[in-house]
């Protein structure tokens, strides 16, 4: 959570100017782990976690099995 030491309060990430300053007092805001500056061409996404890939694969297998069971039920 961005913290403004001059105002002594937290700021919403969307409430901080693009240059990383506080809109109320103009001092630099401590980002607190949140990237405040977004430059053009810096739109790289983090890699997809491995457990999300496993979950997606399991969902595909499960839904394929259910589809197969549904088709088999209709063909009886």
N, C-alpha and C. Protein backbone atom coordinates (compact mmCIF):
# COMPACT_ATOMS: atom_id res chain seq x y z
N UNK A 1 0.85 -1.17 0.00
CA UNK A 1 0.00 0.00 0.00
C UNK A 1 0.90 1.24 0.00
N UNK A 2 0.74 2.13 -0.93
CA UNK A 2 1.56 3.34 -0.98
C UNK A 2 1.34 4.22 0.25
N UNK A 3 2.44 4.66 0.84
CA UNK A 3 2.40 5.46 2.05
C UNK A 3 3.03 6.82 1.78
N UNK A 4 2.32 7.89 2.14
CA UNK A 4 2.85 9.25 2.00
C UNK A 4 3.39 9.67 3.37
N UNK A 5 4.70 9.83 3.51
CA UNK A 5 5.25 10.21 4.82
C UNK A 5 4.90 11.65 5.20
N UNK A 6 4.71 12.52 4.24
CA UNK A 6 4.39 13.93 4.53
C UNK A 6 2.97 14.06 5.09
N UNK A 7 2.01 13.38 4.48
CA UNK A 7 0.61 13.43 4.92
C UNK A 7 0.35 12.42 6.04
N UNK A 8 1.25 11.45 6.21
CA UNK A 8 1.13 10.37 7.19
C UNK A 8 -0.16 9.58 6.99
N UNK A 9 -0.39 9.17 5.73
CA UNK A 9 -1.56 8.33 5.44
C UNK A 9 -1.30 7.49 4.21
N UNK A 10 -2.08 6.42 4.11
CA UNK A 10 -1.99 5.54 2.96
C UNK A 10 -2.73 6.15 1.78
N UNK A 11 -2.23 5.87 0.59
CA UNK A 11 -2.87 6.31 -0.65
C UNK A 11 -3.23 5.09 -1.48
N UNK A 12 -4.34 5.16 -2.17
CA UNK A 12 -4.69 4.08 -3.09
C UNK A 12 -3.71 4.12 -4.27
N UNK A 13 -3.34 2.96 -4.81
CA UNK A 13 -2.43 2.97 -5.96
C UNK A 13 -2.93 3.82 -7.12
N UNK A 14 -4.25 3.87 -7.30
CA UNK A 14 -4.79 4.70 -8.38
C UNK A 14 -4.83 6.17 -7.99
N UNK A 15 -4.66 6.47 -6.71
CA UNK A 15 -4.70 7.85 -6.24
C UNK A 15 -3.34 8.53 -6.22
N UNK A 16 -2.30 7.83 -6.67
CA UNK A 16 -0.95 8.40 -6.72
C UNK A 16 -0.67 8.82 -8.15
N UNK A 17 -0.01 9.95 -8.32
CA UNK A 17 0.31 10.42 -9.68
C UNK A 17 1.25 9.44 -10.36
N UNK A 18 1.30 9.53 -11.68
CA UNK A 18 2.14 8.63 -12.47
C UNK A 18 3.62 8.76 -12.15
N UNK A 19 4.05 9.93 -11.71
CA UNK A 19 5.47 10.10 -11.39
C UNK A 19 5.80 9.65 -9.97
N UNK A 20 4.82 9.13 -9.23
CA UNK A 20 5.04 8.58 -7.90
C UNK A 20 4.94 9.60 -6.79
N UNK A 21 4.28 10.72 -7.04
CA UNK A 21 4.13 11.75 -6.00
C UNK A 21 2.70 11.76 -5.48
N UNK A 22 2.57 12.30 -4.27
CA UNK A 22 1.26 12.41 -3.62
C UNK A 22 0.47 13.55 -4.25
N UNK A 23 -0.81 13.36 -4.58
CA UNK A 23 -1.59 14.44 -5.17
C UNK A 23 -1.90 15.56 -4.18
N UNK A 24 -1.86 15.29 -2.87
CA UNK A 24 -2.19 16.30 -1.87
C UNK A 24 -1.01 17.22 -1.57
N UNK A 25 0.17 16.63 -1.32
CA UNK A 25 1.31 17.45 -0.89
C UNK A 25 2.44 17.51 -1.91
N UNK A 26 2.49 16.58 -2.86
CA UNK A 26 3.50 16.60 -3.91
C UNK A 26 4.80 15.89 -3.55
N UNK A 27 4.89 15.29 -2.35
CA UNK A 27 6.11 14.58 -1.98
C UNK A 27 6.09 13.17 -2.56
N UNK A 28 7.28 12.54 -2.62
CA UNK A 28 7.38 11.18 -3.14
C UNK A 28 6.68 10.22 -2.20
N UNK A 29 5.99 9.25 -2.77
CA UNK A 29 5.25 8.26 -2.01
C UNK A 29 6.06 6.98 -1.99
N UNK A 30 6.14 6.36 -0.82
CA UNK A 30 6.79 5.06 -0.69
C UNK A 30 5.86 4.02 -1.30
N UNK A 31 6.27 3.34 -2.39
CA UNK A 31 5.35 2.45 -3.09
C UNK A 31 4.92 1.24 -2.28
N UNK A 32 5.72 0.77 -1.37
CA UNK A 32 5.33 -0.40 -0.58
C UNK A 32 5.18 -1.65 -1.40
N UNK A 33 6.02 -1.84 -2.42
CA UNK A 33 5.97 -3.03 -3.25
C UNK A 33 5.07 -2.92 -4.45
N UNK A 34 4.46 -1.77 -4.67
CA UNK A 34 3.56 -1.60 -5.82
C UNK A 34 4.26 -0.72 -6.84
N UNK A 35 4.29 -1.15 -8.08
CA UNK A 35 4.92 -0.37 -9.13
C UNK A 35 4.02 0.81 -9.48
N UNK A 36 4.53 2.02 -9.31
CA UNK A 36 3.72 3.20 -9.57
C UNK A 36 3.98 3.77 -10.96
N UNK A 37 5.22 3.63 -11.44
CA UNK A 37 5.55 4.19 -12.74
C UNK A 37 5.33 3.14 -13.82
N UNK A 38 4.52 3.47 -14.78
CA UNK A 38 4.27 2.59 -15.91
C UNK A 38 4.73 3.33 -17.15
N UNK A 39 5.75 2.80 -17.77
CA UNK A 39 6.27 3.43 -18.97
C UNK A 39 5.79 2.66 -20.19
N UNK A 40 5.79 3.30 -21.31
CA UNK A 40 5.32 2.66 -22.53
C UNK A 40 6.28 1.54 -22.90
N UNK A 41 5.75 0.43 -23.30
CA UNK A 41 6.56 -0.72 -23.67
C UNK A 41 6.88 -1.60 -22.47
N UNK A 42 6.45 -1.24 -21.29
CA UNK A 42 6.72 -2.03 -20.09
C UNK A 42 5.47 -2.81 -19.70
N UNK A 43 4.92 -3.53 -20.67
CA UNK A 43 3.68 -4.25 -20.45
C UNK A 43 3.91 -5.75 -20.35
N UNK A 44 5.08 -6.15 -19.84
CA UNK A 44 5.37 -7.56 -19.69
C UNK A 44 4.55 -8.14 -18.54
N UNK A 45 3.96 -9.28 -18.79
CA UNK A 45 3.17 -9.95 -17.76
C UNK A 45 4.05 -10.97 -17.06
N UNK A 46 3.78 -11.24 -15.80
CA UNK A 46 4.54 -12.28 -15.12
C UNK A 46 4.20 -13.64 -15.70
N UNK A 47 5.09 -14.62 -15.57
CA UNK A 47 4.79 -15.95 -16.11
C UNK A 47 3.62 -16.59 -15.39
N UNK A 48 2.94 -17.47 -16.09
CA UNK A 48 1.80 -18.17 -15.51
C UNK A 48 2.33 -19.19 -14.50
N UNK A 49 1.81 -19.21 -13.29
CA UNK A 49 2.29 -20.17 -12.28
C UNK A 49 2.03 -21.61 -12.72
N UNK A 50 2.92 -22.51 -12.31
CA UNK A 50 2.81 -23.91 -12.73
C UNK A 50 1.53 -24.55 -12.21
N UNK A 51 1.10 -24.16 -11.01
CA UNK A 51 -0.10 -24.79 -10.46
C UNK A 51 -1.36 -24.36 -11.21
N UNK A 52 -1.34 -23.20 -11.85
CA UNK A 52 -2.48 -22.79 -12.66
C UNK A 52 -2.53 -23.62 -13.95
N UNK A 53 -1.37 -23.94 -14.49
CA UNK A 53 -1.32 -24.80 -15.68
C UNK A 53 -1.84 -26.20 -15.35
N UNK A 54 -1.45 -26.72 -14.18
CA UNK A 54 -1.92 -28.05 -13.76
C UNK A 54 -3.43 -28.03 -13.56
N UNK A 55 -3.95 -26.96 -12.94
CA UNK A 55 -5.39 -26.84 -12.72
C UNK A 55 -6.14 -26.78 -14.06
N UNK A 56 -5.60 -26.04 -15.01
CA UNK A 56 -6.24 -25.95 -16.33
C UNK A 56 -6.24 -27.30 -17.03
N UNK A 57 -5.13 -28.02 -16.95
CA UNK A 57 -5.04 -29.34 -17.58
C UNK A 57 -6.02 -30.30 -16.92
N UNK A 58 -6.13 -30.27 -15.60
CA UNK A 58 -7.06 -31.14 -14.90
C UNK A 58 -8.51 -30.81 -15.28
N UNK A 59 -8.81 -29.53 -15.43
CA UNK A 59 -10.16 -29.12 -15.83
C UNK A 59 -10.49 -29.62 -17.23
N UNK A 60 -9.52 -29.56 -18.14
CA UNK A 60 -9.74 -30.04 -19.50
C UNK A 60 -9.98 -31.55 -19.49
N UNK A 61 -9.19 -32.28 -18.73
CA UNK A 61 -9.37 -33.74 -18.64
C UNK A 61 -10.73 -34.07 -18.05
N UNK A 62 -11.11 -33.40 -16.96
CA UNK A 62 -12.40 -33.65 -16.31
C UNK A 62 -13.57 -33.34 -17.25
N UNK A 63 -13.52 -32.20 -17.90
CA UNK A 63 -14.62 -31.82 -18.78
C UNK A 63 -14.69 -32.72 -20.01
N UNK A 64 -13.55 -33.19 -20.49
CA UNK A 64 -13.55 -34.14 -21.60
C UNK A 64 -14.20 -35.45 -21.19
N UNK A 65 -13.89 -35.92 -19.98
CA UNK A 65 -14.50 -37.15 -19.48
C UNK A 65 -16.01 -36.98 -19.34
N UNK A 66 -16.45 -35.86 -18.80
CA UNK A 66 -17.89 -35.62 -18.64
C UNK A 66 -18.59 -35.52 -20.00
N UNK A 67 -17.93 -34.92 -20.98
CA UNK A 67 -18.49 -34.85 -22.33
C UNK A 67 -18.64 -36.25 -22.91
N UNK A 68 -17.61 -37.06 -22.74
CA UNK A 68 -17.65 -38.44 -23.23
C UNK A 68 -18.79 -39.21 -22.56
N UNK A 69 -18.97 -39.04 -21.25
CA UNK A 69 -20.05 -39.71 -20.53
C UNK A 69 -21.41 -39.22 -21.01
N UNK A 70 -21.53 -37.92 -21.29
CA UNK A 70 -22.80 -37.38 -21.77
C UNK A 70 -23.15 -37.91 -23.14
N UNK A 71 -22.16 -38.00 -24.01
CA UNK A 71 -22.41 -38.55 -25.36
C UNK A 71 -22.77 -40.03 -25.26
N UNK A 72 -22.08 -40.78 -24.41
CA UNK A 72 -22.38 -42.20 -24.24
C UNK A 72 -23.80 -42.40 -23.69
N UNK A 73 -24.22 -41.52 -22.79
CA UNK A 73 -25.57 -41.60 -22.23
C UNK A 73 -26.62 -41.33 -23.31
N UNK A 74 -26.37 -40.36 -24.19
CA UNK A 74 -27.33 -40.04 -25.25
C UNK A 74 -27.42 -41.14 -26.30
N UNK A 75 -26.35 -41.86 -26.51
CA UNK A 75 -26.33 -42.90 -27.56
C UNK A 75 -26.94 -44.21 -27.09
N UNK A 76 -27.27 -44.36 -25.82
CA UNK A 76 -27.89 -45.61 -25.33
C UNK A 76 -29.27 -45.79 -25.85
